């Protein structure tokens, strides 16, 4: 599937609103990225994009990237060191399994919304919103 086809099937307004809502309860940051490329190693490409987007520069190292590569039908969900230390590998494996179920059923918006909600809940538990919290990263869906 081409990236634009994938993007066209997303309800971008709902997703951006869900990210903003999730971030109201946490100091963490959530970003969604859709790649138009065909990466050979999706996880490595997602990590590169994570770095390039400045996601390692959040105050508590608690940013999460939900990365899609529709041309190769792959995706990745990665978190920075602060959040990974709190949740371990099991959380990421569960998130990936759940997002995969939605994608296989062609429920693309639901896949993203479910993952944003799940990640937001985890972030709120371990990194609750702080009085001086600010939105460190934009909430829009990114693409290359």
N, C-alpha and C. Protein backbone atom coordinates (compact mmCIF):
# COMPACT_ATOMS: atom_id res chain seq x y z
N UNK A 1 0.84 -1.17 0.00
CA UNK A 1 0.00 0.00 0.00
C UNK A 1 0.90 1.24 0.00
N UNK A 2 0.50 2.22 -0.75
CA UNK A 2 1.25 3.47 -0.77
C UNK A 2 0.95 4.27 0.49
N UNK A 3 1.92 5.07 0.89
CA UNK A 3 1.77 5.87 2.11
C UNK A 3 0.56 6.78 2.02
N UNK A 4 0.34 7.40 0.86
CA UNK A 4 -0.78 8.33 0.73
C UNK A 4 -2.11 7.60 0.88
N UNK A 5 -2.21 6.38 0.38
CA UNK A 5 -3.43 5.60 0.57
C UNK A 5 -3.69 5.35 2.05
N UNK A 6 -2.62 5.01 2.76
CA UNK A 6 -2.73 4.78 4.20
C UNK A 6 -3.18 6.06 4.90
N UNK A 7 -2.53 7.16 4.59
CA UNK A 7 -2.87 8.45 5.20
C UNK A 7 -4.30 8.84 4.89
N UNK A 8 -4.73 8.63 3.65
CA UNK A 8 -6.09 8.98 3.26
C UNK A 8 -7.13 8.20 4.05
N UNK A 9 -6.77 7.04 4.55
CA UNK A 9 -7.70 6.22 5.32
C UNK A 9 -7.67 6.53 6.81
N UNK A 10 -6.82 7.47 7.21
CA UNK A 10 -6.74 7.88 8.61
C UNK A 10 -7.64 9.09 8.84
N UNK A 11 -8.29 9.12 9.98
CA UNK A 11 -9.03 10.31 10.40
C UNK A 11 -8.04 11.16 11.20
N UNK A 12 -7.35 12.02 10.47
CA UNK A 12 -6.25 12.77 11.07
C UNK A 12 -6.72 13.65 12.23
N UNK A 13 -7.85 14.27 12.09
CA UNK A 13 -8.36 15.15 13.16
C UNK A 13 -8.60 14.36 14.45
N UNK A 14 -9.16 13.17 14.33
CA UNK A 14 -9.39 12.33 15.51
C UNK A 14 -8.09 11.92 16.17
N UNK A 15 -7.12 11.59 15.35
CA UNK A 15 -5.82 11.13 15.88
C UNK A 15 -5.10 12.27 16.59
N UNK A 16 -5.07 13.44 15.97
CA UNK A 16 -4.41 14.59 16.59
C UNK A 16 -5.11 14.94 17.91
N UNK A 17 -6.45 14.89 17.92
CA UNK A 17 -7.20 15.16 19.15
C UNK A 17 -6.90 14.12 20.22
N UNK A 18 -6.75 12.87 19.83
CA UNK A 18 -6.44 11.80 20.79
C UNK A 18 -5.04 11.99 21.39
N UNK A 19 -4.10 12.40 20.56
CA UNK A 19 -2.75 12.66 21.06
C UNK A 19 -2.79 13.81 22.07
N UNK A 20 -3.48 14.88 21.71
CA UNK A 20 -3.57 16.04 22.60
C UNK A 20 -4.24 15.66 23.92
N UNK A 21 -5.30 14.85 23.84
CA UNK A 21 -6.01 14.42 25.06
C UNK A 21 -5.12 13.55 25.93
N UNK A 22 -4.41 12.62 25.31
CA UNK A 22 -3.51 11.74 26.08
C UNK A 22 -2.42 12.57 26.75
N UNK A 23 -1.91 13.55 26.06
CA UNK A 23 -0.81 14.35 26.61
C UNK A 23 -1.26 15.32 27.70
N UNK A 24 -2.57 15.50 27.86
CA UNK A 24 -3.07 16.34 28.95
C UNK A 24 -2.83 15.69 30.31
N UNK A 25 -2.70 14.37 30.33
CA UNK A 25 -2.57 13.64 31.59
C UNK A 25 -1.13 13.25 31.91
N UNK A 26 -0.19 13.65 31.06
CA UNK A 26 1.18 13.19 31.22
C UNK A 26 2.18 14.25 30.77
N UNK A 27 3.38 14.12 31.26
CA UNK A 27 4.46 14.96 30.75
C UNK A 27 5.09 14.32 29.52
N UNK A 28 4.65 13.12 29.17
CA UNK A 28 5.18 12.40 28.01
C UNK A 28 4.69 12.98 26.70
N UNK A 29 5.32 12.54 25.63
CA UNK A 29 5.00 13.00 24.28
C UNK A 29 4.76 11.81 23.37
N UNK A 30 3.77 11.94 22.50
CA UNK A 30 3.42 10.88 21.55
C UNK A 30 3.44 11.49 20.15
N UNK A 31 4.08 10.78 19.23
CA UNK A 31 4.09 11.22 17.83
C UNK A 31 3.73 10.06 16.94
N UNK A 32 3.11 10.37 15.79
CA UNK A 32 2.76 9.38 14.77
C UNK A 32 3.47 9.80 13.48
N UNK A 33 4.12 8.83 12.85
CA UNK A 33 4.86 9.09 11.62
C UNK A 33 4.50 8.03 10.58
N UNK A 34 4.20 8.49 9.35
CA UNK A 34 3.92 7.58 8.24
C UNK A 34 4.99 7.80 7.18
N UNK A 35 5.73 6.75 6.89
CA UNK A 35 6.82 6.83 5.92
C UNK A 35 6.34 6.41 4.53
N UNK A 36 6.78 7.16 3.54
CA UNK A 36 6.50 6.79 2.15
C UNK A 36 7.59 5.91 1.56
N UNK A 37 8.58 5.62 2.35
CA UNK A 37 9.73 4.83 1.90
C UNK A 37 9.50 3.33 2.15
N UNK A 38 10.41 2.53 1.62
CA UNK A 38 10.38 1.09 1.83
C UNK A 38 11.62 0.69 2.63
N UNK A 39 11.59 0.89 3.94
CA UNK A 39 12.78 0.59 4.74
C UNK A 39 13.07 -0.91 4.76
N UNK A 40 14.36 -1.23 4.73
CA UNK A 40 14.77 -2.64 4.84
C UNK A 40 14.62 -3.12 6.27
N UNK A 41 14.83 -2.23 7.22
CA UNK A 41 14.72 -2.56 8.64
C UNK A 41 13.85 -1.49 9.29
N UNK A 42 12.58 -1.80 9.45
CA UNK A 42 11.61 -0.83 9.93
C UNK A 42 11.97 -0.30 11.31
N UNK A 43 12.37 -1.18 12.22
CA UNK A 43 12.70 -0.73 13.57
C UNK A 43 13.90 0.22 13.55
N UNK A 44 14.91 -0.10 12.78
CA UNK A 44 16.08 0.78 12.69
C UNK A 44 15.69 2.12 12.08
N UNK A 45 14.85 2.11 11.08
CA UNK A 45 14.40 3.35 10.45
C UNK A 45 13.55 4.17 11.43
N UNK A 46 12.73 3.50 12.21
CA UNK A 46 11.91 4.20 13.21
C UNK A 46 12.82 4.85 14.25
N UNK A 47 13.86 4.15 14.67
CA UNK A 47 14.80 4.73 15.64
C UNK A 47 15.51 5.96 15.06
N UNK A 48 15.89 5.87 13.79
CA UNK A 48 16.53 7.02 13.14
C UNK A 48 15.58 8.21 13.11
N UNK A 49 14.34 7.94 12.75
CA UNK A 49 13.34 9.01 12.67
C UNK A 49 13.09 9.59 14.07
N UNK A 50 13.06 8.74 15.08
CA UNK A 50 12.89 9.16 16.47
C UNK A 50 13.96 10.20 16.82
N UNK A 51 15.19 9.87 16.49
CA UNK A 51 16.31 10.78 16.76
C UNK A 51 16.17 12.08 15.97
N UNK A 52 15.89 11.94 14.69
CA UNK A 52 15.81 13.10 13.80
C UNK A 52 14.69 14.06 14.22
N UNK A 53 13.63 13.53 14.78
CA UNK A 53 12.50 14.35 15.23
C UNK A 53 12.76 15.02 16.57
N UNK A 54 13.91 14.76 17.16
CA UNK A 54 14.24 15.36 18.45
C UNK A 54 13.51 14.74 19.62
N UNK A 55 13.06 13.52 19.45
CA UNK A 55 12.26 12.87 20.50
C UNK A 55 13.11 12.42 21.69
N UNK A 56 14.42 12.42 21.53
CA UNK A 56 15.30 12.07 22.66
C UNK A 56 15.59 13.29 23.53
N UNK A 57 15.07 14.43 23.14
CA UNK A 57 15.36 15.66 23.88
C UNK A 57 14.22 16.11 24.80
N UNK A 58 13.27 15.22 25.08
CA UNK A 58 12.23 15.61 26.03
C UNK A 58 12.82 15.61 27.43
N UNK A 59 12.22 16.39 28.29
CA UNK A 59 12.76 16.61 29.64
C UNK A 59 12.97 15.30 30.41
N UNK A 60 12.02 14.37 30.31
CA UNK A 60 12.10 13.13 31.08
C UNK A 60 12.42 11.90 30.22
N UNK A 61 12.82 12.15 28.96
CA UNK A 61 13.12 11.05 28.03
C UNK A 61 11.95 10.08 27.96
N UNK A 62 10.74 10.64 27.80
CA UNK A 62 9.52 9.84 27.83
C UNK A 62 8.65 10.04 26.60
N UNK A 63 9.27 10.13 25.45
CA UNK A 63 8.54 10.25 24.20
C UNK A 63 8.34 8.87 23.57
N UNK A 64 7.23 8.74 22.82
CA UNK A 64 6.91 7.49 22.13
C UNK A 64 6.58 7.81 20.68
N UNK A 65 7.13 7.02 19.77
CA UNK A 65 6.86 7.16 18.34
C UNK A 65 6.10 5.94 17.84
N UNK A 66 5.00 6.20 17.15
CA UNK A 66 4.23 5.15 16.47
C UNK A 66 4.53 5.35 14.98
N UNK A 67 5.28 4.42 14.42
CA UNK A 67 5.86 4.56 13.08
C UNK A 67 5.23 3.55 12.12
N UNK A 68 4.78 4.03 10.97
CA UNK A 68 4.17 3.15 9.95
C UNK A 68 4.96 3.24 8.65
N UNK A 69 5.19 2.07 8.04
CA UNK A 69 5.80 1.99 6.72
C UNK A 69 4.85 1.16 5.85
N UNK A 70 3.77 1.78 5.33
CA UNK A 70 2.74 1.02 4.62
C UNK A 70 3.21 0.31 3.37
N UNK A 71 4.24 0.83 2.70
CA UNK A 71 4.71 0.19 1.47
C UNK A 71 5.29 -1.19 1.72
N UNK A 72 5.78 -1.43 2.94
CA UNK A 72 6.28 -2.76 3.29
C UNK A 72 5.38 -3.44 4.32
N UNK A 73 4.24 -2.79 4.60
CA UNK A 73 3.24 -3.31 5.54
C UNK A 73 3.85 -3.64 6.91
N UNK A 74 4.62 -2.69 7.43
CA UNK A 74 5.25 -2.86 8.73
C UNK A 74 5.06 -1.61 9.57
N UNK A 75 5.25 -1.76 10.85
CA UNK A 75 5.13 -0.64 11.77
C UNK A 75 6.02 -0.92 12.98
N UNK A 76 6.22 0.12 13.78
CA UNK A 76 7.01 -0.02 15.01
C UNK A 76 6.47 0.96 16.03
N UNK A 77 6.57 0.59 17.27
CA UNK A 77 6.22 1.47 18.39
C UNK A 77 7.44 1.48 19.29
N UNK A 78 8.05 2.66 19.43
CA UNK A 78 9.26 2.73 20.25
C UNK A 78 9.17 3.88 21.24
N UNK A 79 9.80 3.67 22.37
CA UNK A 79 9.82 4.69 23.40
C UNK A 79 11.24 5.02 23.79
N UNK A 80 11.40 6.21 24.32
CA UNK A 80 12.72 6.65 24.77
C UNK A 80 13.10 5.91 26.05
N UNK A 81 14.30 6.13 26.51
CA UNK A 81 14.85 5.38 27.64
C UNK A 81 14.05 5.52 28.91
N UNK A 82 13.52 6.72 29.18
CA UNK A 82 12.77 6.94 30.42
C UNK A 82 11.54 6.06 30.51
N UNK A 83 10.77 5.99 29.45
CA UNK A 83 9.54 5.18 29.48
C UNK A 83 9.87 3.70 29.35
N UNK A 84 10.87 3.35 28.55
CA UNK A 84 11.22 1.94 28.39
C UNK A 84 11.67 1.33 29.72
N UNK A 85 12.39 2.09 30.53
CA UNK A 85 12.83 1.61 31.84
C UNK A 85 11.64 1.30 32.75
N UNK A 86 10.56 2.03 32.57
CA UNK A 86 9.38 1.85 33.43
C UNK A 86 8.49 0.69 33.01
N UNK A 87 8.42 0.42 31.70
CA UNK A 87 7.44 -0.57 31.25
C UNK A 87 8.04 -1.88 30.76
N UNK A 88 9.28 -1.88 30.37
CA UNK A 88 9.91 -3.10 29.89
C UNK A 88 9.40 -3.55 28.53
N UNK A 89 9.88 -4.67 28.08
CA UNK A 89 9.61 -5.19 26.75
C UNK A 89 8.17 -5.68 26.58
N UNK A 90 7.59 -6.23 27.62
CA UNK A 90 6.25 -6.82 27.51
C UNK A 90 5.22 -5.81 27.03
N UNK A 91 5.30 -4.59 27.52
CA UNK A 91 4.34 -3.56 27.10
C UNK A 91 4.41 -3.32 25.60
N UNK A 92 5.62 -3.21 25.05
CA UNK A 92 5.79 -2.93 23.63
C UNK A 92 5.29 -4.11 22.79
N UNK A 93 5.57 -5.32 23.24
CA UNK A 93 5.10 -6.50 22.51
C UNK A 93 3.58 -6.56 22.47
N UNK A 94 2.95 -6.24 23.59
CA UNK A 94 1.49 -6.21 23.65
C UNK A 94 0.92 -5.12 22.75
N UNK A 95 1.52 -3.95 22.78
CA UNK A 95 1.06 -2.84 21.94
C UNK A 95 1.16 -3.21 20.46
N UNK A 96 2.26 -3.83 20.07
CA UNK A 96 2.46 -4.22 18.68
C UNK A 96 1.43 -5.28 18.27
N UNK A 97 1.17 -6.24 19.13
CA UNK A 97 0.17 -7.27 18.81
C UNK A 97 -1.21 -6.65 18.62
N UNK A 98 -1.58 -5.73 19.48
CA UNK A 98 -2.90 -5.10 19.40
C UNK A 98 -3.04 -4.22 18.17
N UNK A 99 -2.01 -3.46 17.86
CA UNK A 99 -2.09 -2.60 16.69
C UNK A 99 -2.16 -3.46 15.42
N UNK A 100 -1.45 -4.57 15.42
CA UNK A 100 -1.48 -5.48 14.28
C UNK A 100 -2.86 -6.04 14.02
N UNK A 101 -3.60 -6.36 15.08
CA UNK A 101 -4.97 -6.86 14.91
C UNK A 101 -5.83 -5.85 14.18
N UNK A 102 -5.75 -4.59 14.58
CA UNK A 102 -6.54 -3.54 13.93
C UNK A 102 -6.11 -3.35 12.47
N UNK A 103 -4.83 -3.36 12.21
CA UNK A 103 -4.35 -3.15 10.84
C UNK A 103 -4.78 -4.29 9.92
N UNK A 104 -4.71 -5.52 10.42
CA UNK A 104 -5.12 -6.67 9.59
C UNK A 104 -6.61 -6.60 9.26
N UNK A 105 -7.39 -5.94 10.10
CA UNK A 105 -8.83 -5.79 9.86
C UNK A 105 -9.13 -4.49 9.10
N UNK A 106 -8.10 -3.84 8.57
CA UNK A 106 -8.24 -2.58 7.83
C UNK A 106 -8.88 -1.47 8.66
N UNK A 107 -8.64 -1.47 9.96
CA UNK A 107 -9.13 -0.41 10.84
C UNK A 107 -7.93 0.47 11.22
N UNK A 108 -7.50 1.26 10.26
CA UNK A 108 -6.27 2.03 10.42
C UNK A 108 -6.38 3.11 11.48
N UNK A 109 -7.44 3.89 11.43
CA UNK A 109 -7.62 4.94 12.44
C UNK A 109 -7.73 4.31 13.82
N UNK A 110 -8.48 3.24 13.94
CA UNK A 110 -8.64 2.57 15.23
C UNK A 110 -7.31 2.04 15.74
N UNK A 111 -6.47 1.56 14.84
CA UNK A 111 -5.15 1.06 15.24
C UNK A 111 -4.34 2.18 15.90
N UNK A 112 -4.36 3.34 15.29
CA UNK A 112 -3.60 4.46 15.84
C UNK A 112 -4.25 4.95 17.13
N UNK A 113 -5.57 5.12 17.13
CA UNK A 113 -6.25 5.61 18.33
C UNK A 113 -6.04 4.68 19.52
N UNK A 114 -6.16 3.39 19.29
CA UNK A 114 -5.98 2.42 20.37
C UNK A 114 -4.55 2.53 20.94
N UNK A 115 -3.58 2.63 20.06
CA UNK A 115 -2.20 2.70 20.52
C UNK A 115 -1.92 4.01 21.25
N UNK A 116 -2.45 5.11 20.75
CA UNK A 116 -2.28 6.40 21.43
C UNK A 116 -2.89 6.33 22.83
N UNK A 117 -4.08 5.75 22.94
CA UNK A 117 -4.73 5.64 24.25
C UNK A 117 -3.93 4.74 25.19
N UNK A 118 -3.47 3.61 24.70
CA UNK A 118 -2.69 2.67 25.50
C UNK A 118 -1.39 3.31 25.99
N UNK A 119 -0.68 3.96 25.08
CA UNK A 119 0.57 4.62 25.43
C UNK A 119 0.30 5.78 26.39
N UNK A 120 -0.76 6.53 26.12
CA UNK A 120 -1.11 7.66 27.00
C UNK A 120 -1.39 7.22 28.41
N UNK A 121 -2.09 6.10 28.57
CA UNK A 121 -2.38 5.57 29.90
C UNK A 121 -1.10 5.18 30.63
N UNK A 122 -0.20 4.53 29.92
CA UNK A 122 1.08 4.14 30.51
C UNK A 122 1.90 5.37 30.90
N UNK A 123 1.96 6.34 30.00
CA UNK A 123 2.72 7.55 30.30
C UNK A 123 2.14 8.28 31.50
N UNK A 124 0.82 8.36 31.58
CA UNK A 124 0.17 9.06 32.70
C UNK A 124 0.48 8.37 34.03
N UNK A 125 0.56 7.05 34.01
CA UNK A 125 0.84 6.30 35.23
C UNK A 125 2.26 6.58 35.72
N UNK A 126 3.21 6.59 34.81
CA UNK A 126 4.61 6.72 35.20
C UNK A 126 5.14 8.15 35.13
N UNK A 127 4.51 8.98 34.32
CA UNK A 127 4.93 10.37 34.13
C UNK A 127 3.71 11.28 34.14
N UNK A 128 3.06 11.45 35.28
CA UNK A 128 1.86 12.29 35.32
C UNK A 128 2.18 13.73 34.92
N UNK A 129 1.16 14.43 34.48
CA UNK A 129 1.32 15.83 34.09
C UNK A 129 1.86 16.62 35.28
N UNK A 130 2.69 17.58 34.98
CA UNK A 130 3.31 18.42 36.01
C UNK A 130 2.79 19.85 35.85
N UNK A 131 2.79 20.63 36.93
CA UNK A 131 2.28 22.00 36.85
C UNK A 131 2.94 22.86 35.77
N UNK A 132 4.23 22.66 35.55
CA UNK A 132 4.94 23.46 34.56
C UNK A 132 5.09 22.74 33.21
N UNK A 133 4.28 21.70 33.01
CA UNK A 133 4.38 20.90 31.79
C UNK A 133 3.97 21.73 30.58
N UNK A 134 4.65 21.48 29.48
CA UNK A 134 4.30 22.11 28.21
C UNK A 134 4.41 21.05 27.12
N UNK A 135 3.72 21.29 26.04
CA UNK A 135 3.77 20.37 24.92
C UNK A 135 5.12 20.55 24.23
N UNK A 136 6.01 19.58 24.40
CA UNK A 136 7.37 19.70 23.88
C UNK A 136 7.47 19.39 22.39
N UNK A 137 6.53 18.60 21.87
CA UNK A 137 6.56 18.21 20.46
C UNK A 137 5.17 18.38 19.85
N UNK A 138 5.08 18.77 18.58
CA UNK A 138 3.77 18.92 17.94
C UNK A 138 2.99 17.61 17.90
N UNK A 139 1.67 17.71 17.82
CA UNK A 139 0.80 16.53 17.84
C UNK A 139 0.40 16.04 16.44
N UNK A 140 0.75 16.76 15.40
CA UNK A 140 0.32 16.42 14.06
C UNK A 140 0.96 15.12 13.57
N UNK A 141 0.31 14.49 12.58
CA UNK A 141 0.86 13.28 11.97
C UNK A 141 1.94 13.72 10.99
N UNK A 142 3.10 13.09 11.12
CA UNK A 142 4.24 13.43 10.27
C UNK A 142 4.38 12.42 9.13
N UNK A 143 5.01 12.86 8.06
CA UNK A 143 5.25 11.99 6.91
C UNK A 143 6.53 12.41 6.21
N UNK A 144 7.09 11.49 5.45
CA UNK A 144 8.26 11.88 4.64
C UNK A 144 7.98 11.64 3.19
